Amino acid sequence: MQDPICQGSLCRGDGHNFYINCSSKEIRGNLTVKVTEDDFKTFREIHVADKAGYSDIAYKDGYIFVL
């Protein structure tokens, strides 16, 4: 997974793993959540924001919280 050497975050809930980071090699941007049920063998991406920096993620009661 691409990352511009910037902090990302990982959490687990209801059998899913969630990972958020800036999905770019060059800039702190393209903030993306990756969701997987098979330990990142396959995953889908959810675009969150074009510009970003450090990020954190939490999961509770079916909701993903992003900071």
PDB file of N, CA and C in Angstrom:
ATOM      1  N   MET A   1       0.830  -1.168   0.000  1.00  0.00           N
ATOM      2  CA  MET A   1       0.000   0.000   0.000  1.00  0.00           C
ATOM      3  C   MET A   1       0.883   1.243   0.000  1.00  0.00           C
ATOM      4  N   GLN A   2       0.501   2.193  -0.799  1.00  0.00           N
ATOM      5  CA  GLN A   2       1.276   3.426  -0.916  1.00  0.00           C
ATOM      6  C   GLN A   2       1.087   4.293   0.316  1.00  0.00           C
ATOM      7  N   ASP A   3       2.139   5.046   0.667  1.00  0.00           N
ATOM      8  CA  ASP A   3       2.062   5.965   1.791  1.00  0.00           C
ATOM      9  C   ASP A   3       3.245   6.933   1.689  1.00  0.00           C
ATOM     10  N   PRO A   4       3.013   8.248   1.920  1.00  0.00           N
ATOM     11  CA  PRO A   4       4.105   9.219   1.838  1.00  0.00           C
ATOM     12  C   PRO A   4       4.887   9.333   3.151  1.00  0.00           C
ATOM     13  N   ILE A   5       5.061   8.240   3.853  1.00  0.00           N
ATOM     14  CA  ILE A   5       5.699   8.204   5.169  1.00  0.00           C
ATOM     15  C   ILE A   5       4.964   9.159   6.104  1.00  0.00           C
ATOM     16  N   CYS A   6       3.706   8.865   6.309  1.00  0.00           N
ATOM     17  CA  CYS A   6       2.808   9.661   7.126  1.00  0.00           C
ATOM     18  C   CYS A   6       1.966   8.704   7.967  1.00  0.00           C
ATOM     19  N   GLN A   7       1.647   9.077   9.167  1.00  0.00           N
ATOM     20  CA  GLN A   7       0.921   8.213  10.085  1.00  0.00           C
ATOM     21  C   GLN A   7      -0.419   7.779   9.514  1.00  0.00           C
ATOM     22  N   GLY A   8      -0.743   6.504   9.663  1.00  0.00           N
ATOM     23  CA  GLY A   8      -2.036   5.938   9.315  1.00  0.00           C
ATOM     24  C   GLY A   8      -2.578   5.221  10.538  1.00  0.00           C
ATOM     25  N   SER A   9      -3.689   4.519  10.378  1.00  0.00           N
ATOM     26  CA  SER A   9      -4.289   3.858  11.533  1.00  0.00           C
ATOM     27  C   SER A   9      -5.023   2.602  11.087  1.00  0.00           C
ATOM     28  N   LEU A  10      -5.112   1.633  11.987  1.00  0.00           N
ATOM     29  CA  LEU A  10      -5.737   0.345  11.722  1.00  0.00           C
ATOM     30  C   LEU A  10      -6.679   0.007  12.865  1.00  0.00           C
ATOM     31  N   CYS A  11      -7.857  -0.544  12.544  1.00  0.00           N
ATOM     32  CA  CYS A  11      -8.752  -1.045  13.585  1.00  0.00           C
ATOM     33  C   CYS A  11      -9.534  -2.233  13.033  1.00  0.00           C
ATOM     34  N   ARG A  12     -10.217  -2.941  13.925  1.00  0.00           N
ATOM     35  CA  ARG A  12     -10.968  -4.135  13.551  1.00  0.00           C
ATOM     36  C   ARG A  12     -12.349  -4.071  14.180  1.00  0.00           C
ATOM     37  N   GLY A  13     -13.359  -4.547  13.424  1.00  0.00           N
ATOM     38  CA  GLY A  13     -14.716  -4.598  13.954  1.00  0.00           C
ATOM     39  C   GLY A  13     -15.605  -5.453  13.095  1.00  0.00           C
ATOM     40  N   ASP A  14     -16.427  -6.288  13.716  1.00  0.00           N
ATOM     41  CA  ASP A  14     -17.392  -7.152  13.020  1.00  0.00           C
ATOM     42  C   ASP A  14     -16.763  -7.980  11.900  1.00  0.00           C
ATOM     43  N   GLY A  15     -15.563  -8.520  12.143  1.00  0.00           N
ATOM     44  CA  GLY A  15     -14.908  -9.368  11.156  1.00  0.00           C
ATOM     45  C   GLY A  15     -14.227  -8.635  10.016  1.00  0.00           C
ATOM     46  N   HIS A  16     -14.159  -7.319  10.096  1.00  0.00           N
ATOM     47  CA  HIS A  16     -13.498  -6.503   9.077  1.00  0.00           C
ATOM     48  C   HIS A  16     -12.260  -5.848   9.671  1.00  0.00           C
ATOM     49  N   ASN A  17     -11.259  -5.628   8.840  1.00  0.00           N
ATOM     50  CA  ASN A  17     -10.118  -4.786   9.188  1.00  0.00           C
ATOM     51  C   ASN A  17     -10.268  -3.491   8.415  1.00  0.00           C
ATOM     52  N   PHE A  18      -9.994  -2.374   9.076  1.00  0.00           N
ATOM     53  CA  PHE A  18     -10.072  -1.058   8.464  1.00  0.00           C
ATOM     54  C   PHE A  18      -8.712  -0.392   8.602  1.00  0.00           C
ATOM     55  N   TYR A  19      -8.205   0.159   7.505  1.00  0.00           N
ATOM     56  CA  TYR A  19      -6.925   0.846   7.515  1.00  0.00           C
ATOM     57  C   TYR A  19      -7.116   2.180   6.812  1.00  0.00           C
ATOM     58  N   ILE A  20      -6.620   3.259   7.401  1.00  0.00           N
ATOM     59  CA  ILE A  20      -6.713   4.572   6.775  1.00  0.00           C
ATOM     60  C   ILE A  20      -5.317   5.164   6.650  1.00  0.00           C
ATOM     61  N   ASN A  21      -5.047   5.756   5.504  1.00  0.00           N
ATOM     62  CA  ASN A  21      -3.782   6.453   5.298  1.00  0.00           C
ATOM     63  C   ASN A  21      -3.897   7.357   4.079  1.00  0.00           C
ATOM     64  N   CYS A  22      -2.855   8.159   3.870  1.00  0.00           N
ATOM     65  CA  CYS A  22      -2.767   8.972   2.659  1.00  0.00           C
ATOM     66  C   CYS A  22      -2.254   8.054   1.553  1.00  0.00           C
ATOM     67  N   SER A  23      -3.093   7.732   0.632  1.00  0.00           N
ATOM     68  CA  SER A  23      -2.773   6.740  -0.403  1.00  0.00           C
ATOM     69  C   SER A  23      -2.048   7.389  -1.578  1.00  0.00           C
ATOM     70  N   SER A  24      -0.852   7.890  -1.308  1.00  0.00           N
ATOM     71  CA  SER A  24      -0.013   8.534  -2.314  1.00  0.00           C
ATOM     72  C   SER A  24       1.437   8.374  -1.879  1.00  0.00           C
ATOM     73  N   LYS A  25       2.335   8.236  -2.809  1.00  0.00           N
ATOM     74  CA  LYS A  25       3.757   8.142  -2.467  1.00  0.00           C
ATOM     75  C   LYS A  25       4.398   9.514  -2.317  1.00  0.00           C
ATOM     76  N   GLU A  26       3.826  10.528  -2.968  1.00  0.00           N
ATOM     77  CA  GLU A  26       4.472  11.829  -3.036  1.00  0.00           C
ATOM     78  C   GLU A  26       3.922  12.863  -2.066  1.00  0.00           C
ATOM     79  N   ILE A  27       2.615  12.889  -1.844  1.00  0.00           N
ATOM     80  CA  ILE A  27       2.007  13.973  -1.069  1.00  0.00           C
ATOM     81  C   ILE A  27       1.125  13.413   0.042  1.00  0.00           C
ATOM     82  N   ARG A  28       0.863  14.255   1.017  1.00  0.00           N
ATOM     83  CA  ARG A  28      -0.091  13.894   2.063  1.00  0.00           C
ATOM     84  C   ARG A  28      -1.484  14.239   1.562  1.00  0.00           C
ATOM     85  N   GLY A  29      -2.036  13.346   0.791  1.00  0.00           N
ATOM     86  CA  GLY A  29      -3.345  13.556   0.195  1.00  0.00           C
ATOM     87  C   GLY A  29      -3.971  12.226  -0.168  1.00  0.00           C
ATOM     88  N   ASN A  30      -5.144  12.291  -0.760  1.00  0.00           N
ATOM     89  CA  ASN A  30      -5.883  11.109  -1.169  1.00  0.00           C
ATOM     90  C   ASN A  30      -6.136  10.191   0.041  1.00  0.00           C
ATOM     91  N   LEU A  31      -6.675  10.774   1.115  1.00  0.00           N
ATOM     92  CA  LEU A  31      -6.977  10.011   2.321  1.00  0.00           C
ATOM     93  C   LEU A  31      -7.988   8.924   1.990  1.00  0.00           C
ATOM     94  N   THR A  32      -7.634   7.678   2.277  1.00  0.00           N
ATOM     95  CA  THR A  32      -8.424   6.529   1.845  1.00  0.00           C
ATOM     96  C   THR A  32      -8.551   5.504   2.963  1.00  0.00           C
ATOM     97  N   VAL A  33      -9.765   4.971   3.124  1.00  0.00           N
ATOM     98  CA  VAL A  33     -10.007   3.849   4.030  1.00  0.00           C
ATOM     99  C   VAL A  33     -10.001   2.575   3.199  1.00  0.00           C
ATOM    100  N   LYS A  34      -9.254   1.589   3.647  1.00  0.00           N
ATOM    101  CA  LYS A  34      -9.243   0.278   3.007  1.00  0.00           C
ATOM    102  C   LYS A  34      -9.966  -0.693   3.925  1.00  0.00           C
ATOM    103  N   VAL A  35     -10.901  -1.467   3.357  1.00  0.00           N
ATOM    104  CA  VAL A  35     -11.721  -2.405   4.124  1.00  0.00           C
ATOM    105  C   VAL A  35     -11.474  -3.807   3.593  1.00  0.00           C
ATOM    106  N   THR A  36     -11.221  -4.756   4.510  1.00  0.00           N
ATOM    107  CA  THR A  36     -10.954  -6.131   4.095  1.00  0.00           C
ATOM    108  C   THR A  36     -11.568  -7.120   5.079  1.00  0.00           C
ATOM    109  N   GLU A  37     -11.912  -8.262   4.577  1.00  0.00           N
ATOM    110  CA  GLU A  37     -12.395  -9.362   5.416  1.00  0.00           C
ATOM    111  C   GLU A  37     -11.416 -10.523   5.401  1.00  0.00           C
ATOM    112  N   ASP A  38     -10.328 -10.404   4.643  1.00  0.00           N
ATOM    113  CA  ASP A  38      -9.374 -11.513   4.495  1.00  0.00           C
ATOM    114  C   ASP A  38      -7.929 -11.072   4.760  1.00  0.00           C
ATOM    115  N   ASP A  39      -7.745 -10.228   5.767  1.00  0.00           N
ATOM    116  CA  ASP A  39      -6.417  -9.759   6.166  1.00  0.00           C
ATOM    117  C   ASP A  39      -5.628  -9.123   5.027  1.00  0.00           C
ATOM    118  N   PHE A  40      -6.293  -8.302   4.238  1.00  0.00           N
ATOM    119  CA  PHE A  40      -5.709  -7.486   3.173  1.00  0.00           C
ATOM    120  C   PHE A  40      -5.201  -8.280   1.976  1.00  0.00           C
ATOM    121  N   LYS A  41      -5.668  -9.514   1.808  1.00  0.00           N
ATOM    122  CA  LYS A  41      -5.395 -10.217   0.542  1.00  0.00           C
ATOM    123  C   LYS A  41      -6.166  -9.502  -0.562  1.00  0.00           C
ATOM    124  N   THR A  42      -7.382  -9.105  -0.245  1.00  0.00           N
ATOM    125  CA  THR A  42      -8.188  -8.261  -1.126  1.00  0.00           C
ATOM    126  C   THR A  42      -8.819  -7.183  -0.257  1.00  0.00           C
ATOM    127  N   PHE A  43      -9.083  -6.030  -0.838  1.00  0.00           N
ATOM    128  CA  PHE A  43      -9.731  -4.961  -0.082  1.00  0.00           C
ATOM    129  C   PHE A  43     -10.413  -4.014  -1.048  1.00  0.00           C
ATOM    130  N   ARG A  44     -11.342  -3.258  -0.503  1.00  0.00           N
ATOM    131  CA  ARG A  44     -11.963  -2.185  -1.285  1.00  0.00           C
ATOM    132  C   ARG A  44     -11.562  -0.874  -0.654  1.00  0.00           C
ATOM    133  N   GLU A  45     -11.540   0.176  -1.443  1.00  0.00           N
ATOM    134  CA  GLU A  45     -11.108   1.487  -0.973  1.00  0.00           C
ATOM    135  C   GLU A  45     -12.278   2.454  -0.935  1.00  0.00           C
ATOM    136  N   ILE A  46     -12.295   3.289   0.079  1.00  0.00           N
ATOM    137  CA  ILE A  46     -13.290   4.346   0.217  1.00  0.00           C
ATOM    138  C   ILE A  46     -12.522   5.663   0.317  1.00  0.00           C
ATOM    139  N   HIS A  47     -12.669   6.531  -0.689  1.00  0.00           N
ATOM    140  CA  HIS A  47     -11.981   7.823  -0.700  1.00  0.00           C
ATOM    141  C   HIS A  47     -12.628   8.736   0.336  1.00  0.00           C
ATOM    142  N   VAL A  48     -11.805   9.389   1.173  1.00  0.00           N
ATOM    143  CA  VAL A  48     -12.315  10.243   2.242  1.00  0.00           C
ATOM    144  C   VAL A  48     -12.077  11.720   1.943  1.00  0.00           C
ATOM    145  N   ALA A  49     -10.839  12.089   1.544  1.00  0.00           N
ATOM    146  CA  ALA A  49     -10.520  13.504   1.308  1.00  0.00           C
ATOM    147  C   ALA A  49      -9.332  13.620   0.367  1.00  0.00           C
ATOM    148  N   ASP A  50      -9.276  14.733  -0.380  1.00  0.00           N
ATOM    149  CA  ASP A  50      -8.154  14.970  -1.293  1.00  0.00           C
ATOM    150  C   ASP A  50      -6.900  15.402  -0.542  1.00  0.00           C
ATOM    151  N   LYS A  51      -7.035  16.308   0.418  1.00  0.00           N
ATOM    152  CA  LYS A  51      -5.893  16.787   1.204  1.00  0.00           C
ATOM    153  C   LYS A  51      -6.017  16.228   2.615  1.00  0.00           C
ATOM    154  N   ALA A  52      -4.907  15.765   3.153  1.00  0.00           N
ATOM    155  CA  ALA A  52      -4.935  15.167   4.487  1.00  0.00           C
ATOM    156  C   ALA A  52      -3.535  15.078   5.055  1.00  0.00           C
ATOM    157  N   GLY A  53      -3.454  14.641   6.265  1.00  0.00           N
ATOM    158  CA  GLY A  53      -2.175  14.434   6.923  1.00  0.00           C
ATOM    159  C   GLY A  53      -2.302  13.220   7.819  1.00  0.00           C
ATOM    160  N   TYR A  54      -2.038  13.425   9.088  1.00  0.00           N
ATOM    161  CA  TYR A  54      -2.169  12.323  10.034  1.00  0.00           C
ATOM    162  C   TYR A  54      -3.638  11.949  10.172  1.00  0.00           C
ATOM    163  N   SER A  55      -3.903  10.683  10.401  1.00  0.00           N
ATOM    164  CA  SER A  55      -5.289  10.235  10.474  1.00  0.00           C
ATOM    165  C   SER A  55      -5.432   9.175  11.553  1.00  0.00           C
ATOM    166  N   ASP A  56      -6.660   9.025  12.020  1.00  0.00           N
ATOM    167  CA  ASP A  56      -6.980   7.989  12.986  1.00  0.00           C
ATOM    168  C   ASP A  56      -8.340   7.416  12.622  1.00  0.00           C
ATOM    169  N   ILE A  57      -8.585   6.169  13.010  1.00  0.00           N
ATOM    170  CA  ILE A  57      -9.832   5.505  12.663  1.00  0.00           C
ATOM    171  C   ILE A  57     -10.307   4.674  13.850  1.00  0.00           C
ATOM    172  N   ALA A  58     -11.624   4.620  14.011  1.00  0.00           N
ATOM    173  CA  ALA A  58     -12.237   3.784  15.047  1.00  0.00           C
ATOM    174  C   ALA A  58     -13.512   3.190  14.473  1.00  0.00           C
ATOM    175  N   TYR A  59     -13.953   2.088  15.046  1.00  0.00           N
ATOM    176  CA  TYR A  59     -15.164   1.405  14.581  1.00  0.00           C
ATOM    177  C   TYR A  59     -16.022   1.064  15.788  1.00  0.00           C
ATOM    178  N   LYS A  60     -17.325   1.368  15.701  1.00  0.00           N
ATOM    179  CA  LYS A  60     -18.247   1.002  16.776  1.00  0.00           C
ATOM    180  C   LYS A  60     -19.661   0.912  16.228  1.00  0.00           C
ATOM    181  N   ASP A  61     -20.336  -0.165  16.572  1.00  0.00           N
ATOM    182  CA  ASP A  61     -21.749  -0.362  16.236  1.00  0.00           C
ATOM    183  C   ASP A  61     -22.049  -0.148  14.747  1.00  0.00           C
ATOM    184  N   GLY A  62     -21.162  -0.615  13.873  1.00  0.00           N
ATOM    185  CA  GLY A  62     -21.396  -0.509  12.437  1.00  0.00           C
ATOM    186  C   GLY A  62     -20.972   0.802  11.803  1.00  0.00           C
ATOM    187  N   TYR A  63     -20.387   1.700  12.570  1.00  0.00           N
ATOM    188  CA  TYR A  63     -19.958   2.992  12.056  1.00  0.00           C
ATOM    189  C   TYR A  63     -18.435   3.086  12.065  1.00  0.00           C
ATOM    190  N   ILE A  64     -17.883   3.708  11.026  1.00  0.00           N
ATOM    191  CA  ILE A  64     -16.455   4.003  10.953  1.00  0.00           C
ATOM    192  C   ILE A  64     -16.290   5.476  11.302  1.00  0.00           C
ATOM    193  N   PHE A  65     -15.421   5.758  12.260  1.00  0.00           N
ATOM    194  CA  PHE A  65     -15.141   7.140  12.674  1.00  0.00           C
ATOM    195  C   PHE A  65     -13.728   7.490  12.214  1.00  0.00           C
ATOM    196  N   VAL A  66     -13.600   8.622  11.517  1.00  0.00           N
ATOM    197  CA  VAL A  66     -12.320   9.057  10.974  1.00  0.00           C
ATOM    198  C   VAL A  66     -11.993  10.443  11.510  1.00  0.00           C
ATOM    199  N   LEU A  67     -10.739  10.590  11.940  1.00  0.00           N
ATOM    200  CA  LEU A  67     -10.276  11.893  12.430  1.00  0.00           C
ATOM    201  C   LEU A  67      -9.042  12.270  11.644  1.00  0.00           C
TER     202      LEU A  67
END
